[in-house]
Amino acid sequence: MLQEYPGTILFISHDRAFIRSVADHILQVDESEPRVFHGNYEQYKKRTTDASVNVTEQELLRLQTKLTEIIGRISIPNHHDDITSLEQEYETLLVQIRKCKEAL
């Protein structure tokens, strides 16, 4: 019945089945600005999932680059480097990289 209504319906719902059956546009309101997505719920979820994967891949690349830098500094330290803190940072980066990989 709602699908046949020719006008605009604004609703708030956590019921995914209801959203799938009615929505052809999504207005996402979060901590930042509201964003309009033109498409159904499945298309919206795919787009947001793809964006999330992209962010995680970028974070993984950043962490791996930092890890490479730390390995280099541990291998050939200069007089300013504290090997103990570099080793701790190395271990922390390994944990963060593992978490990023699990999220992908």
Protein backbone atom coordinates (compact mmCIF):
# COMPACT_ATOMS: atom_id res chain seq x y z
CA MET A 1 0.00 0.00 0.00
CA LEU A 2 2.74 2.48 0.89
CA GLN A 3 4.64 1.56 -2.29
CA GLU A 4 1.66 2.77 -4.33
CA TYR A 5 1.50 6.20 -2.66
CA PRO A 6 2.54 8.80 -5.30
CA GLY A 7 3.92 11.35 -2.83
CA THR A 8 6.86 11.47 -0.48
CA ILE A 9 6.87 9.48 2.73
CA LEU A 10 9.42 10.28 5.42
CA PHE A 11 9.85 7.48 7.94
CA ILE A 12 12.38 6.39 10.54
CA SER A 13 12.83 2.69 11.01
CA HIS A 14 15.28 0.02 12.09
CA ASP A 15 13.13 -2.64 10.37
CA ARG A 16 15.25 -3.62 7.38
CA ALA A 17 12.46 -5.59 5.72
CA PHE A 18 10.18 -2.55 5.90
CA ILE A 19 12.92 -0.27 4.56
CA ARG A 20 13.63 -2.69 1.70
CA SER A 21 9.97 -2.81 0.74
CA VAL A 22 9.28 0.94 0.83
CA ALA A 23 12.42 3.07 0.41
CA ASP A 24 13.76 4.20 -2.95
CA HIS A 25 15.91 6.97 -1.38
CA ILE A 26 17.80 6.93 1.92
CA LEU A 27 18.50 9.95 4.12
CA GLN A 28 21.35 9.07 6.47
CA VAL A 29 21.71 11.29 9.52
CA ASP A 30 24.75 10.77 11.71
CA GLU A 31 27.20 12.92 13.65
CA SER A 32 28.14 14.92 10.57
CA GLU A 33 25.90 16.27 7.82
CA PRO A 34 22.81 14.43 6.61
CA ARG A 35 23.43 12.60 3.32
CA VAL A 36 20.91 11.59 0.67
CA PHE A 37 21.39 8.34 -1.22
CA HIS A 38 19.38 7.85 -4.39
CA GLY A 39 18.58 4.15 -4.53
CA ASN A 40 17.06 1.34 -2.53
CA TYR A 41 18.32 -0.13 0.74
CA GLU A 42 20.40 -2.89 -0.90
CA GLN A 43 22.21 -0.37 -3.10
CA TYR A 44 22.78 1.87 -0.07
CA LYS A 45 24.26 -1.00 1.98
CA LYS A 46 26.56 -2.02 -0.88
CA ARG A 47 27.81 1.54 -1.32
CA THR A 48 28.45 2.05 2.41
CA THR A 49 30.13 -1.37 2.71
CA ASP A 50 32.37 -0.62 -0.28
CA ALA A 51 33.32 2.74 1.26
CA SER A 52 34.09 1.08 4.59
CA VAL A 53 36.34 -1.49 2.90
CA ASN A 54 38.15 1.32 1.07
CA VAL A 55 38.80 3.17 4.34
CA THR A 56 40.06 -0.03 5.98
CA GLU A 57 42.38 -0.74 3.04
CA GLN A 58 43.78 2.79 3.27
CA GLU A 59 44.33 2.38 7.02
CA LEU A 60 46.05 -0.98 6.43
CA LEU A 61 48.38 0.61 3.88
CA ARG A 62 49.19 3.44 6.31
CA LEU A 63 49.95 0.97 9.12
CA GLN A 64 52.13 -1.20 6.87
CA THR A 65 54.10 1.86 5.76
CA LYS A 66 54.63 2.87 9.38
CA LEU A 67 55.68 -0.71 10.22
CA THR A 68 58.28 -0.63 7.44
CA GLU A 69 59.64 2.63 8.84
CA ILE A 70 59.85 1.18 12.37
CA ILE A 71 61.60 -1.97 11.12
CA GLY A 72 64.16 0.22 9.36
CA ARG A 73 64.75 2.29 12.48
CA ILE A 74 65.15 -0.85 14.62
CA SER A 75 67.57 -2.38 12.09
CA ILE A 76 69.72 0.74 11.73
CA PRO A 77 69.01 3.01 14.73
CA ASN A 78 70.32 6.53 14.99
CA HIS A 79 71.47 8.10 18.25
CA HIS A 80 67.97 9.56 18.91
CA ASP A 81 66.10 6.24 18.64
CA ASP A 82 64.96 4.41 21.77
CA ILE A 83 64.99 0.75 20.71
CA THR A 84 62.63 -0.31 23.52
CA SER A 85 59.93 2.17 22.49
CA LEU A 86 60.43 1.28 18.81
CA GLU A 87 59.92 -2.41 19.64
CA GLN A 88 56.76 -1.55 21.58
CA GLU A 89 55.48 0.50 18.64
CA TYR A 90 56.33 -2.43 16.35
CA GLU A 91 54.21 -4.81 18.48
CA THR A 92 51.34 -2.29 18.60
CA LEU A 93 51.41 -1.90 14.82
CA LEU A 94 51.31 -5.68 14.35
CA VAL A 95 48.14 -5.86 16.46
CA GLN A 96 46.53 -2.98 14.54
CA ILE A 97 47.44 -4.56 11.19
CA ARG A 98 45.94 -7.88 12.28
CA LYS A 99 42.69 -6.13 13.29
CA CYS A 100 42.52 -4.30 9.95
CA LYS A 101 43.02 -7.54 8.04
CA GLU A 102 40.29 -9.21 10.08
CA ALA A 103 37.92 -6.34 9.20
CA LEU A 104 38.45 -6.87 5.46
